[in-house]
N, C-alpha and C. Protein backbone atom coordinates (compact mmCIF):
# COMPACT_ATOMS: atom_id res chain seq x y z
N MET A 1 125.16 88.57 27.52
CA MET A 1 124.17 88.95 28.45
C MET A 1 123.24 87.55 28.98
N LYS A 2 123.01 86.65 27.79
CA LYS A 2 122.09 85.41 28.19
C LYS A 2 122.92 84.71 29.00
N LYS A 3 124.37 84.67 28.76
CA LYS A 3 124.96 83.67 29.87
C LYS A 3 125.12 84.08 31.23
N GLU A 4 125.00 85.51 31.29
CA GLU A 4 125.20 85.99 32.77
C GLU A 4 124.10 85.76 33.44
N ASN A 5 122.65 85.59 32.65
CA ASN A 5 121.40 85.13 33.11
C ASN A 5 121.51 83.84 33.72
N ILE A 6 122.04 82.95 32.81
CA ILE A 6 122.35 81.33 33.09
C ILE A 6 122.85 81.56 34.42
N ILE A 7 123.89 81.89 34.71
CA ILE A 7 124.85 81.85 35.84
C ILE A 7 123.88 82.53 37.23
N SER A 8 123.24 83.49 36.77
CA SER A 8 122.26 84.07 37.96
C SER A 8 121.14 83.25 38.53
N ALA A 9 120.51 82.48 37.41
CA ALA A 9 119.50 81.59 37.70
C ALA A 9 120.23 80.41 38.74
N ALA A 10 121.31 80.08 38.18
CA ALA A 10 121.92 78.75 38.53
C ALA A 10 122.47 79.24 40.26
N ILE A 11 123.00 80.16 40.38
CA ILE A 11 123.53 80.70 41.54
C ILE A 11 122.14 80.53 42.63
N LEU A 12 120.99 81.38 42.07
CA LEU A 12 119.85 81.61 42.52
C LEU A 12 119.24 80.08 43.14
N GLY A 13 119.43 79.18 42.14
CA GLY A 13 118.92 77.93 42.43
C GLY A 13 119.69 77.13 43.40
N ILE A 14 120.87 77.09 43.54
CA ILE A 14 121.76 76.56 44.56
C ILE A 14 121.44 77.23 45.99
N ALA A 15 121.06 78.58 45.96
CA ALA A 15 120.78 79.20 47.05
C ALA A 15 119.52 78.77 47.50
N LEU A 16 118.25 78.45 46.70
CA LEU A 16 117.47 78.00 47.23
C LEU A 16 117.42 76.68 47.65
N VAL A 17 118.12 75.72 47.09
CA VAL A 17 118.46 74.58 47.75
C VAL A 17 118.83 74.27 49.08
N ILE A 18 119.92 75.44 49.41
CA ILE A 18 120.51 75.50 50.56
C ILE A 18 119.57 75.89 51.78
N CYS A 19 118.99 77.19 51.25
CA CYS A 19 117.93 77.35 52.21
C CYS A 19 116.72 76.32 52.61
N GLY A 20 116.52 75.62 51.71
CA GLY A 20 115.43 74.54 51.89
C GLY A 20 115.94 73.31 52.70
N PHE A 21 117.18 73.24 52.43
CA PHE A 21 117.83 72.41 53.68
C PHE A 21 117.75 72.94 55.13
N ALA A 22 118.13 74.24 55.07
CA ALA A 22 118.10 74.86 56.43
C ALA A 22 116.92 74.77 56.83
N LEU A 23 116.10 75.40 55.97
CA LEU A 23 114.71 75.36 56.52
C LEU A 23 114.15 74.16 57.27
N ARG A 24 114.36 73.02 56.40
CA ARG A 24 113.82 71.87 56.67
C ARG A 24 114.62 71.23 57.84
N SER A 25 116.10 71.63 58.06
CA SER A 25 116.43 71.41 59.46
C SER A 25 116.14 71.99 60.56
N GLY A 26 116.03 73.30 60.29
CA GLY A 26 115.41 74.10 61.32
C GLY A 26 113.67 73.49 61.86
N ILE A 27 113.14 73.13 61.29
CA ILE A 27 111.86 72.52 61.19
C ILE A 27 111.97 71.36 62.35
N ILE A 28 112.44 70.43 61.95
CA ILE A 28 112.93 69.21 62.60
C ILE A 28 113.51 69.47 63.82
N SER A 29 114.35 70.60 63.92
CA SER A 29 114.84 70.97 65.51
C SER A 29 113.73 71.25 66.07
N VAL A 30 112.95 72.34 65.86
CA VAL A 30 111.99 72.77 66.61
C VAL A 30 110.99 72.05 66.87
N SER A 31 110.55 70.79 65.94
CA SER A 31 109.68 69.91 66.19
C SER A 31 110.36 68.79 67.50
N ASP A 32 111.43 68.63 67.48
CA ASP A 32 112.35 67.66 68.32
C ASP A 32 112.25 68.56 69.88
N SER A 33 112.46 69.80 69.68
CA SER A 33 112.63 70.19 71.18
C SER A 33 111.01 70.58 71.45
N HIS A 34 110.27 70.37 71.19
CA HIS A 34 109.07 70.14 71.66
C HIS A 34 108.21 68.86 71.96
N ARG A 35 108.96 68.18 71.62
CA ARG A 35 108.38 66.66 71.90
C ARG A 35 108.98 66.27 73.75
N GLN A 36 108.02 67.02 74.15
CA GLN A 36 108.13 66.84 75.48
C GLN A 36 106.56 67.33 76.47
N VAL A 37 106.71 66.62 77.76
CA VAL A 37 105.38 66.81 78.41
C VAL A 37 105.69 67.59 79.68
N SER A 38 104.90 68.48 80.06
CA SER A 38 105.14 69.40 81.28
C SER A 38 104.01 69.02 82.15
N VAL A 39 104.22 68.68 83.59
CA VAL A 39 103.36 68.02 84.48
C VAL A 39 103.41 68.59 85.74
N LYS A 40 102.70 68.29 86.53
CA LYS A 40 102.73 69.08 87.79
C LYS A 40 102.05 67.82 88.80
N GLY A 41 103.13 67.83 90.15
CA GLY A 41 102.73 66.85 91.00
C GLY A 41 102.62 67.52 92.39
N LEU A 42 101.13 67.20 93.04
CA LEU A 42 101.06 67.66 94.51
C LEU A 42 101.27 66.65 95.37
N ALA A 43 101.59 67.15 96.67
CA ALA A 43 101.57 66.54 97.93
C ALA A 43 101.05 67.24 99.02
N GLU A 44 100.41 66.52 99.77
CA GLU A 44 99.97 67.17 100.98
C GLU A 44 99.85 66.67 102.44
N LYS A 45 100.36 67.21 103.47
CA LYS A 45 100.23 66.49 104.59
C LYS A 45 99.79 67.39 105.91
N GLU A 46 98.93 66.49 106.68
CA GLU A 46 98.50 67.14 107.92
C GLU A 46 99.37 66.81 109.23
N VAL A 47 99.56 68.27 109.69
CA VAL A 47 100.58 68.32 110.93
C VAL A 47 100.05 68.70 111.87
N LYS A 48 100.16 68.59 113.27
CA LYS A 48 100.05 69.45 114.16
C LYS A 48 100.93 70.46 114.55
N ALA A 49 100.47 71.85 114.59
CA ALA A 49 101.07 73.34 114.97
C ALA A 49 102.34 72.51 116.38
N ASP A 50 103.20 73.30 116.17
CA ASP A 50 104.28 73.02 117.34
C ASP A 50 104.42 74.38 118.07
N LYS A 51 103.82 75.55 117.72
CA LYS A 51 104.02 76.56 118.40
C LYS A 51 102.24 77.36 118.72
N VAL A 52 102.18 77.85 119.94
CA VAL A 52 101.22 78.69 119.91
C VAL A 52 101.48 79.96 120.76
N THR A 53 100.77 81.00 120.27
CA THR A 53 100.82 82.46 120.68
C THR A 53 99.63 82.71 121.23
N TRP A 54 99.63 83.03 122.55
CA TRP A 54 98.12 83.20 123.45
C TRP A 54 98.21 84.27 123.90
N PRO A 55 97.57 85.76 123.39
CA PRO A 55 97.60 86.97 124.22
C PRO A 55 96.47 87.12 125.06
N LEU A 56 96.38 87.36 126.18
CA LEU A 56 95.64 87.22 127.09
C LEU A 56 95.38 88.92 127.54
N ILE A 57 94.35 89.48 127.11
CA ILE A 57 93.89 90.81 127.18
C ILE A 57 92.73 91.04 128.11
N TYR A 58 93.00 92.28 128.81
CA TYR A 58 91.91 92.66 129.81
C TYR A 58 91.85 94.28 129.82
N LYS A 59 90.88 94.63 130.16
CA LYS A 59 90.79 96.41 130.08
C LYS A 59 90.41 96.77 131.69
N GLU A 60 90.73 97.85 132.12
CA GLU A 60 90.67 98.40 133.21
C GLU A 60 90.31 99.90 133.24
N ILE A 61 89.24 100.65 133.66
CA ILE A 61 89.24 101.84 133.75
C ILE A 61 89.22 102.64 135.33
N GLY A 62 89.43 103.94 135.01
CA GLY A 62 89.62 104.57 136.57
C GLY A 62 89.84 105.87 136.41
N ASN A 63 89.89 106.78 137.21
CA ASN A 63 90.19 108.35 137.10
C ASN A 63 91.36 108.53 137.77
N ASP A 64 92.01 107.66 138.61
CA ASP A 64 93.40 108.13 139.15
C ASP A 64 94.52 107.06 138.68
N PRO A 65 95.23 107.77 137.96
CA PRO A 65 96.53 106.78 137.19
C PRO A 65 97.02 106.05 138.17
N THR A 66 97.34 106.38 139.51
CA THR A 66 98.36 105.73 140.32
C THR A 66 97.36 104.60 140.90
N ALA A 67 96.02 104.50 141.29
CA ALA A 67 95.45 103.80 141.50
C ALA A 67 95.01 102.25 140.41
N LEU A 68 95.02 103.09 139.00
CA LEU A 68 94.76 102.48 138.03
C LEU A 68 96.01 101.28 137.50
N TYR A 69 97.24 101.69 137.96
CA TYR A 69 98.54 100.95 137.47
C TYR A 69 98.47 99.99 138.71
N GLY A 70 98.08 100.61 139.80
CA GLY A 70 98.13 99.34 140.84
C GLY A 70 96.91 98.12 140.73
N GLN A 71 96.15 98.62 140.18
CA GLN A 71 95.10 97.36 139.85
C GLN A 71 95.56 96.74 138.86
N LEU A 72 96.08 97.39 137.61
CA LEU A 72 96.69 96.38 136.65
C LEU A 72 97.77 95.52 137.19
N ALA A 73 98.57 95.84 138.22
CA ALA A 73 99.87 95.24 138.85
C ALA A 73 99.09 94.08 139.28
N ALA A 74 98.11 93.97 140.17
CA ALA A 74 97.44 93.15 140.92
C ALA A 74 96.83 92.22 140.00
N LYS A 75 95.86 92.59 138.83
CA LYS A 75 95.67 91.29 138.04
C LYS A 75 96.56 90.80 137.20
N ASN A 76 97.71 91.50 136.89
CA ASN A 76 98.68 90.82 136.15
C ASN A 76 99.26 89.72 136.79
N ALA A 77 99.19 89.93 138.20
CA ALA A 77 100.01 88.73 139.27
C ALA A 77 99.10 87.65 139.26
N SER A 78 97.69 88.08 139.16
CA SER A 78 96.59 87.04 139.41
C SER A 78 96.65 86.09 137.91
N ILE A 79 96.77 86.82 136.88
CA ILE A 79 96.76 86.09 135.81
C ILE A 79 98.06 85.26 135.31
N VAL A 80 99.28 85.74 135.96
CA VAL A 80 100.44 84.83 136.09
C VAL A 80 100.57 83.66 137.00
N ALA A 81 99.90 83.77 138.21
CA ALA A 81 99.71 82.73 139.07
C ALA A 81 98.93 81.64 138.41
N PHE A 82 97.74 82.01 137.81
CA PHE A 82 96.84 81.25 137.00
C PHE A 82 97.46 80.36 136.12
N LEU A 83 98.35 81.02 135.18
CA LEU A 83 99.40 80.47 134.15
C LEU A 83 99.98 79.18 134.78
N LYS A 84 100.96 79.79 135.84
CA LYS A 84 101.86 79.02 136.28
C LYS A 84 101.27 77.90 137.04
N GLN A 85 100.13 77.73 137.58
CA GLN A 85 99.46 77.03 137.98
C GLN A 85 99.12 75.71 137.18
N GLY A 86 99.02 76.58 135.99
CA GLY A 86 98.63 75.26 134.77
C GLY A 86 99.63 74.86 134.04
N GLY A 87 100.95 75.40 134.71
CA GLY A 87 102.24 74.51 134.05
C GLY A 87 102.82 75.48 133.04
N ILE A 88 102.51 76.64 132.75
CA ILE A 88 103.36 77.72 132.07
C ILE A 88 104.33 78.37 132.89
N THR A 89 105.70 77.86 132.02
CA THR A 89 106.78 78.65 133.11
C THR A 89 106.97 80.15 132.60
N ASP A 90 107.89 80.45 133.42
CA ASP A 90 108.40 82.13 133.27
C ASP A 90 108.90 82.36 132.06
N ALA A 91 109.57 81.40 131.25
CA ALA A 91 110.07 81.86 129.97
C ALA A 91 108.98 81.93 128.75
N GLU A 92 107.60 81.47 129.34
CA GLU A 92 106.77 81.28 128.10
C GLU A 92 105.89 82.23 128.55
N ILE A 93 106.24 83.24 129.41
CA ILE A 93 104.98 84.44 129.65
C ILE A 93 105.77 85.64 129.40
N SER A 94 105.32 86.84 128.56
CA SER A 94 105.69 88.02 128.41
C SER A 94 104.23 88.72 128.65
N ILE A 95 105.00 89.87 129.55
CA ILE A 95 103.98 90.85 129.98
C ILE A 95 104.24 92.18 129.53
N ASN A 96 103.28 92.58 128.42
CA ASN A 96 103.70 93.71 127.75
C ASN A 96 103.23 95.24 128.64
N PRO A 97 103.86 96.43 128.27
CA PRO A 97 103.42 97.64 129.19
C PRO A 97 102.09 98.01 128.95
N PRO A 98 101.30 98.02 129.58
CA PRO A 98 100.05 98.36 129.27
C PRO A 98 99.54 99.63 128.42
N SER A 99 98.65 99.80 127.82
CA SER A 99 98.23 100.69 126.93
C SER A 99 97.08 101.83 127.72
N VAL A 100 97.65 102.96 127.76
CA VAL A 100 96.50 103.68 128.25
C VAL A 100 96.03 104.85 127.72
N GLU A 101 94.93 104.94 127.71
CA GLU A 101 94.04 106.24 126.81
C GLU A 101 93.43 107.03 127.87
N ASP A 102 93.77 108.34 127.60
CA ASP A 102 93.25 109.26 128.16
C ASP A 102 91.69 110.07 127.64
N ARG A 103 90.71 109.37 128.08
CA ARG A 103 89.36 109.80 127.26
C ARG A 103 89.11 111.19 127.33
N GLN A 104 89.71 111.82 128.24
CA GLN A 104 89.25 113.17 128.36
C GLN A 104 89.96 114.05 127.62
N ALA A 105 91.07 113.45 127.29
CA ALA A 105 92.07 114.72 126.48
C ALA A 105 91.62 114.28 125.10
N ASP A 106 91.30 112.97 124.74
CA ASP A 106 90.99 112.74 123.38
C ASP A 106 89.48 113.26 123.05
N SER A 107 88.84 113.50 123.97
CA SER A 107 87.45 113.81 123.55
C SER A 107 87.28 115.03 122.65
N TYR A 108 86.56 115.00 121.79
CA TYR A 108 86.29 116.10 120.77
C TYR A 108 84.91 116.86 121.12
N SER A 109 83.98 116.28 122.13
CA SER A 109 82.90 117.21 122.36
C SER A 109 82.87 117.38 123.94
N ASN A 110 81.86 118.01 124.33
CA ASN A 110 81.79 118.76 125.76
C ASN A 110 81.15 117.37 126.52
N GLU A 111 80.98 116.00 126.13
CA GLU A 111 80.53 115.34 126.66
C GLU A 111 81.36 114.76 127.84
N THR A 112 80.59 114.30 129.08
CA THR A 112 81.43 114.09 130.23
C THR A 112 81.54 112.70 130.41
N VAL A 113 82.45 112.21 130.57
CA VAL A 113 83.20 110.75 130.66
C VAL A 113 83.05 110.51 132.03
N SER A 114 82.48 109.47 132.47
CA SER A 114 82.55 108.79 133.84
C SER A 114 83.98 108.27 134.33
N TYR A 115 84.55 107.63 133.23
CA TYR A 115 85.96 107.41 133.77
C TYR A 115 87.06 107.75 132.73
N ARG A 116 87.99 108.92 133.45
CA ARG A 116 88.93 109.37 132.48
C ARG A 116 89.79 108.50 131.59
N TYR A 117 90.43 107.57 132.54
CA TYR A 117 91.28 106.66 131.67
C TYR A 117 91.10 105.08 131.32
N LYS A 118 91.21 104.83 130.38
CA LYS A 118 91.03 103.12 130.11
C LYS A 118 92.24 102.64 129.63
N ALA A 119 92.80 101.32 130.44
CA ALA A 119 93.95 100.62 130.01
C ALA A 119 93.60 99.53 129.31
N THR A 120 94.47 99.01 128.74
CA THR A 120 94.54 97.81 128.13
C THR A 120 95.70 96.91 128.50
N SER A 121 95.53 95.79 129.15
CA SER A 121 96.82 94.86 129.41
C SER A 121 97.05 93.41 128.60
N VAL A 122 98.18 93.47 128.19
CA VAL A 122 98.04 92.19 127.14
C VAL A 122 99.39 91.47 127.78
N ILE A 123 99.03 90.21 128.33
CA ILE A 123 99.69 89.26 128.66
C ILE A 123 100.09 87.93 127.60
N THR A 124 101.17 87.60 127.31
CA THR A 124 101.28 86.79 126.15
C THR A 124 102.11 85.55 126.42
N VAL A 125 101.43 84.41 125.88
CA VAL A 125 101.89 83.17 126.45
C VAL A 125 102.44 82.66 125.23
N THR A 126 103.73 82.00 124.73
CA THR A 126 104.12 81.54 123.72
C THR A 126 104.89 80.09 124.08
N SER A 127 104.28 79.17 123.60
CA SER A 127 104.61 77.67 124.20
C SER A 127 104.91 76.78 122.80
N SER A 128 105.38 75.86 122.95
CA SER A 128 105.35 74.73 121.94
C SER A 128 104.43 73.59 122.50
N ASP A 129 104.02 73.50 123.79
CA ASP A 129 102.93 72.90 124.35
C ASP A 129 101.55 73.09 123.97
N ILE A 130 101.03 72.79 122.88
CA ILE A 130 99.77 73.06 122.29
C ILE A 130 98.83 72.77 123.07
N ASP A 131 98.89 71.41 123.74
CA ASP A 131 97.68 70.80 124.40
C ASP A 131 97.42 71.56 125.83
N LYS A 132 98.81 71.79 126.57
CA LYS A 132 98.67 72.23 127.80
C LYS A 132 97.95 73.74 127.53
N VAL A 133 98.54 74.50 126.69
CA VAL A 133 97.84 75.76 126.45
C VAL A 133 96.49 75.81 126.04
N ARG A 134 96.05 75.09 124.95
CA ARG A 134 94.61 74.71 124.93
C ARG A 134 93.89 74.22 126.26
N GLN A 135 94.16 73.51 126.98
CA GLN A 135 93.59 73.25 128.21
C GLN A 135 93.40 74.26 129.24
N LEU A 136 94.44 75.31 128.99
CA LEU A 136 94.01 76.40 129.85
C LEU A 136 93.23 77.18 129.50
N MET A 137 93.00 77.54 128.05
CA MET A 137 91.95 78.13 127.51
C MET A 137 90.51 78.08 127.93
N THR A 138 90.60 76.68 128.28
CA THR A 138 88.96 76.29 128.77
C THR A 138 88.92 76.61 130.07
N GLN A 139 89.91 77.33 130.94
CA GLN A 139 89.82 77.74 132.13
C GLN A 139 89.80 78.73 132.44
N GLN A 140 89.59 79.79 131.42
CA GLN A 140 89.27 81.31 131.50
C GLN A 140 88.44 81.62 132.53
N THR A 141 87.22 80.88 132.52
CA THR A 141 86.48 81.17 133.81
C THR A 141 86.98 81.53 135.15
N GLU A 142 88.23 80.85 135.51
CA GLU A 142 88.63 80.84 137.01
C GLU A 142 89.03 82.43 136.81
N LEU A 143 89.51 82.99 135.79
CA LEU A 143 90.14 84.50 135.90
C LEU A 143 88.98 85.40 135.89
N LEU A 144 87.52 84.88 135.45
CA LEU A 144 86.38 85.80 135.36
C LEU A 144 85.67 85.63 136.77
N LYS A 145 85.91 84.75 137.59
CA LYS A 145 85.55 84.68 138.91
C LYS A 145 86.31 85.81 139.69
N GLN A 146 87.55 85.78 139.27
CA GLN A 146 88.33 87.00 140.11
C GLN A 146 88.39 88.35 139.33
N GLY A 147 87.32 88.78 138.56
CA GLY A 147 86.98 89.79 137.96
C GLY A 147 87.72 90.01 137.05
N ILE A 148 88.50 89.42 136.34
CA ILE A 148 89.17 89.58 135.28
C ILE A 148 88.79 88.97 134.00
N PRO A 149 87.77 89.59 133.25
CA PRO A 149 87.29 89.17 131.94
C PRO A 149 88.63 89.34 130.88
N ILE A 150 88.69 88.14 130.49
CA ILE A 150 89.75 88.05 129.23
C ILE A 150 88.86 88.40 127.86
N VAL A 151 89.68 89.47 127.06
CA VAL A 151 89.01 89.67 125.69
C VAL A 151 89.50 88.79 124.82
N ILE A 152 88.60 88.44 124.13
CA ILE A 152 88.88 87.13 122.96
C ILE A 152 89.16 87.92 121.57
N ALA A 153 90.20 88.34 121.12
CA ALA A 153 90.53 88.88 119.71
C ALA A 153 90.51 87.87 118.61
N GLU A 154 89.54 87.87 117.44
CA GLU A 154 89.52 86.92 116.55
C GLU A 154 90.65 87.26 115.22
N TYR A 155 90.94 88.52 115.25
CA TYR A 155 91.79 88.89 114.25
C TYR A 155 92.93 89.97 114.58
N GLY A 156 93.82 90.07 113.86
CA GLY A 156 95.08 91.13 114.36
C GLY A 156 96.01 90.65 115.25
N ASP A 157 96.84 91.61 115.60
CA ASP A 157 97.97 90.93 116.02
C ASP A 157 97.69 90.21 117.60
N ASN A 158 96.78 90.64 118.06
CA ASN A 158 96.19 90.06 119.34
C ASN A 158 95.52 88.90 119.57
N ALA A 159 95.05 88.14 118.30
CA ALA A 159 94.48 86.84 118.27
C ALA A 159 95.52 85.77 118.28
N VAL A 160 94.82 84.70 119.17
CA VAL A 160 95.32 83.64 119.24
C VAL A 160 95.90 82.85 117.76
N SER A 161 97.20 82.58 117.77
CA SER A 161 97.66 81.94 116.64
C SER A 161 98.61 80.71 116.87
N TYR A 162 98.46 79.99 115.94
CA TYR A 162 99.20 78.43 115.93
C TYR A 162 100.00 78.54 114.67
N ASP A 163 101.37 77.90 114.83
CA ASP A 163 102.24 77.90 113.87
C ASP A 163 102.89 76.61 113.79
N PHE A 164 103.32 76.40 112.45
CA PHE A 164 104.22 74.99 112.24
C PHE A 164 105.46 75.47 111.74
N THR A 165 106.70 75.20 113.16
CA THR A 165 107.86 75.71 112.33
C THR A 165 108.88 74.51 112.00
N SER A 166 108.31 73.37 112.03
CA SER A 166 109.25 72.36 111.73
C SER A 166 109.22 71.74 110.00
N LEU A 167 108.95 72.66 109.41
CA LEU A 167 108.96 72.31 108.00
C LEU A 167 110.07 71.65 107.10
N ASN A 168 111.19 71.85 107.99
CA ASN A 168 112.37 71.15 107.29
C ASN A 168 112.47 69.82 107.50
N GLU A 169 111.55 69.27 108.49
CA GLU A 169 111.49 67.86 108.69
C GLU A 169 110.78 67.19 108.17
N VAL A 170 109.85 67.96 107.53
CA VAL A 170 108.53 67.21 106.50
C VAL A 170 108.91 67.40 105.13
N LYS A 171 109.49 68.73 104.60
CA LYS A 171 110.02 69.20 103.34
C LYS A 171 110.51 67.92 102.50
N PRO A 172 111.35 67.32 102.67
CA PRO A 172 112.11 66.47 101.86
C PRO A 172 111.02 65.16 101.36
N ALA A 173 110.34 64.53 102.40
CA ALA A 173 109.39 63.70 101.83
C ALA A 173 108.19 64.47 101.10
N LEU A 174 107.82 65.41 101.46
CA LEU A 174 106.82 66.02 100.52
C LEU A 174 107.38 66.33 99.15
N VAL A 175 108.62 66.77 99.21
CA VAL A 175 109.13 67.15 97.70
C VAL A 175 109.13 65.75 96.93
N GLU A 176 109.59 64.71 97.81
CA GLU A 176 109.72 63.50 96.87
C GLU A 176 108.38 63.02 96.48
N GLU A 177 107.32 62.98 97.32
CA GLU A 177 106.00 62.30 96.90
C GLU A 177 105.39 63.33 95.72
N ALA A 178 105.74 64.58 95.83
CA ALA A 178 105.23 65.13 94.52
C ALA A 178 105.78 64.91 93.41
N THR A 179 107.11 64.66 93.59
CA THR A 179 107.85 64.36 92.19
C THR A 179 107.25 63.19 91.63
N LYS A 180 107.31 62.11 92.68
CA LYS A 180 107.01 60.75 92.26
C LYS A 180 105.25 61.07 91.53
N ASN A 181 104.54 61.91 91.99
CA ASN A 181 103.25 61.75 91.54
C ASN A 181 103.28 62.73 90.10
N ALA A 182 104.16 63.43 90.08
CA ALA A 182 104.18 64.33 88.49
C ALA A 182 104.75 63.20 87.76
N ARG A 183 105.89 62.40 88.25
CA ARG A 183 106.36 61.19 86.80
C ARG A 183 105.37 60.45 86.66
N THR A 184 104.33 59.78 87.67
CA THR A 184 103.22 59.14 87.44
C THR A 184 102.27 59.64 86.35
N THR A 185 102.20 61.00 86.44
CA THR A 185 101.11 61.62 85.62
C THR A 185 101.96 61.69 83.95
N ALA A 186 103.28 61.97 84.07
CA ALA A 186 104.00 62.00 82.70
C ALA A 186 103.96 60.55 82.46
N GLU A 187 104.28 59.58 82.80
CA GLU A 187 104.47 58.14 82.26
C GLU A 187 103.02 57.74 81.60
N LYS A 188 102.03 58.10 82.40
CA LYS A 188 100.40 57.97 81.53
C LYS A 188 100.41 58.57 80.23
N PHE A 189 100.72 60.13 80.43
CA PHE A 189 100.66 60.83 79.32
C PHE A 189 101.27 60.19 78.07
N ALA A 190 102.65 59.46 78.47
CA ALA A 190 103.69 59.07 77.44
C ALA A 190 102.93 57.87 76.80
N ALA A 191 102.51 57.15 77.96
CA ALA A 191 101.78 55.74 77.19
C ALA A 191 100.66 56.04 76.21
N ASP A 192 99.73 57.03 76.88
CA ASP A 192 98.84 57.28 75.94
C ASP A 192 99.07 57.80 74.67
N SER A 193 100.17 58.49 74.32
CA SER A 193 100.35 59.21 73.05
C SER A 193 101.57 58.18 72.69
N GLN A 194 101.54 56.86 73.00
CA GLN A 194 102.42 56.13 72.27
C GLN A 194 103.86 56.46 72.21
N SER A 195 104.40 57.09 73.41
CA SER A 195 105.76 57.44 73.46
C SER A 195 106.43 57.03 74.89
N LYS A 196 107.56 57.00 74.81
CA LYS A 196 108.40 56.76 76.20
C LYS A 196 109.04 57.86 76.80
N LEU A 197 108.91 57.78 78.23
CA LEU A 197 109.36 59.04 79.08
C LEU A 197 110.93 59.16 78.85
N GLY A 198 111.57 60.13 78.47
CA GLY A 198 112.84 60.59 78.44
C GLY A 198 113.30 61.31 80.04
N LYS A 199 114.46 61.75 79.76
CA LYS A 199 114.98 62.59 80.89
C LYS A 199 114.19 63.64 81.43
N ILE A 200 114.51 64.27 82.49
CA ILE A 200 113.78 65.59 83.06
C ILE A 200 114.62 66.29 82.36
N LEU A 201 113.75 67.37 81.59
CA LEU A 201 114.13 68.65 80.87
C LEU A 201 114.56 69.89 82.10
N GLN A 202 113.51 69.92 83.05
CA GLN A 202 113.36 70.97 83.96
C GLN A 202 112.54 70.80 84.94
N ALA A 203 112.96 71.18 86.12
CA ALA A 203 111.98 70.90 87.45
C ALA A 203 112.06 72.24 88.10
N HIS A 204 110.89 72.52 88.78
CA HIS A 204 110.59 73.38 89.66
C HIS A 204 109.83 73.23 90.99
N GLN A 205 110.10 73.69 91.80
CA GLN A 205 109.30 73.30 93.10
C GLN A 205 108.59 74.78 93.51
N GLY A 206 107.53 74.64 93.66
CA GLY A 206 106.59 75.74 93.79
C GLY A 206 106.65 76.23 95.26
N GLN A 207 106.24 77.19 96.01
CA GLN A 207 106.32 77.82 97.18
C GLN A 207 105.49 76.45 98.27
N ILE A 208 105.92 76.43 99.29
CA ILE A 208 105.24 75.29 100.19
C ILE A 208 104.31 76.19 100.80
N GLU A 209 102.95 75.82 100.95
CA GLU A 209 101.93 76.49 101.55
C GLU A 209 101.57 75.73 102.90
N ILE A 210 101.63 76.48 104.21
CA ILE A 210 101.02 75.96 105.41
C ILE A 210 99.67 76.91 105.71
N GLU A 211 98.71 75.98 105.68
CA GLU A 211 97.28 76.70 105.88
C GLU A 211 96.74 75.94 107.21
N ASP A 212 95.50 76.38 107.86
CA ASP A 212 94.97 75.74 108.66
C ASP A 212 94.07 74.68 108.11
N ARG A 213 93.91 73.69 108.45
CA ARG A 213 92.79 72.62 108.03
C ARG A 213 91.56 73.13 107.84
N ASP A 214 91.13 73.60 108.85
CA ASP A 214 89.76 74.35 108.65
C ASP A 214 89.57 75.28 109.71
N ALA A 215 88.49 76.20 110.09
CA ALA A 215 88.18 77.14 110.71
C ALA A 215 88.09 76.70 112.19
N THR A 216 87.84 75.64 112.44
CA THR A 216 87.57 75.16 113.66
C THR A 216 88.65 74.34 114.49
N THR A 217 89.83 74.09 113.80
CA THR A 217 90.82 73.26 114.23
C THR A 217 91.92 74.08 113.65
N PRO A 218 92.51 75.16 114.15
CA PRO A 218 93.65 75.97 113.63
C PRO A 218 94.95 75.54 113.87
N TYR A 219 95.07 74.55 114.84
CA TYR A 219 96.14 74.18 115.44
C TYR A 219 96.53 72.77 114.80
N ILE A 220 95.72 72.20 113.96
CA ILE A 220 96.04 71.38 112.66
C ILE A 220 96.19 72.01 111.51
N LYS A 221 97.34 71.73 110.83
CA LYS A 221 97.84 72.64 109.94
C LYS A 221 97.92 71.51 108.40
N ASN A 222 97.73 72.11 107.32
CA ASN A 222 97.76 71.34 106.17
C ASN A 222 98.88 72.00 105.56
N VAL A 223 100.03 71.03 105.22
CA VAL A 223 101.36 71.54 104.45
C VAL A 223 101.15 70.94 102.80
N ARG A 224 101.35 71.89 102.15
CA ARG A 224 101.11 71.49 100.64
C ARG A 224 102.03 72.01 99.64
N VAL A 225 102.87 71.08 98.88
CA VAL A 225 103.69 71.48 97.95
C VAL A 225 103.39 70.98 96.20
N VAL A 226 103.47 71.92 95.49
CA VAL A 226 103.51 71.41 94.15
C VAL A 226 104.74 71.66 93.43
N VAL A 227 105.11 70.69 92.41
CA VAL A 227 106.32 70.91 91.85
C VAL A 227 105.87 70.67 90.15
N SER A 228 106.45 71.24 89.53
CA SER A 228 106.58 71.23 87.85
C SER A 228 107.56 70.55 87.28
N MET A 229 107.30 69.69 86.44
CA MET A 229 108.25 68.83 85.69
C MET A 229 108.08 68.96 84.44
N ASP A 230 109.23 68.88 83.68
CA ASP A 230 109.11 68.70 82.18
C ASP A 230 110.17 67.58 81.72
N TYR A 231 109.27 66.62 81.21
CA TYR A 231 110.15 65.51 80.55
C TYR A 231 110.19 65.31 78.92
N GLN A 232 111.21 64.61 78.64
CA GLN A 232 111.40 64.63 77.34
C GLN A 232 110.54 63.27 76.85
N LEU A 233 110.00 63.13 75.72
CA LEU A 233 109.24 62.20 75.16
C LEU A 233 110.16 61.78 74.04
N LYS A 234 110.00 60.46 73.79
CA LYS A 234 110.89 59.68 72.77
C LYS A 234 110.16 58.19 72.14
N ASP A 235 110.26 58.15 70.79
CA ASP A 235 109.38 57.60 70.19
C ASP A 235 109.95 55.92 70.84
């Protein structure tokens, strides 16, 4: 019985030694795997929008549908003539079907309406010539002189919008700059920690954001990209 206890103790001792080596090896491995630094790099660039969508909206009222549509056709023709005189081509002009509201049919009270029909017409200009369109926007008073007050929509589908569609042309340089900025930060961290920067362990490019530079110049865009980089640290 005593001999069996000695053997059991010996086996247990060997097992503990093996586990100790395994545990020690595991701790070193975990420590090595965490010898890394995670950094982010940012790059930004201001660009000019290369596409503008300008809806010209006006409203018309009347009691006779036939006469109302005639007035809409005449005013649409005046707007198109104004646009073409300013250098806008047929391909850049889109005339939407008018939206007509029957105010009498939609009334839920006995209130008498002065005009039964109210029509909304939208003519949309879509162009890559931002300066040309912006110049025409400043001349809308010419339409007002002809009895066509253009409604300005600040929000929604009928608001003027500026877009930047040439992202692929600036993206490579932006990503390169962001990557360089990330590496510069990592190198500074490595130097401060008395380490050397090793290879890239992982890299991730965030979503590229395109936003207005500010509220007063929506035709100037700010393109922004952030990259995340994991670098190995070495002694």
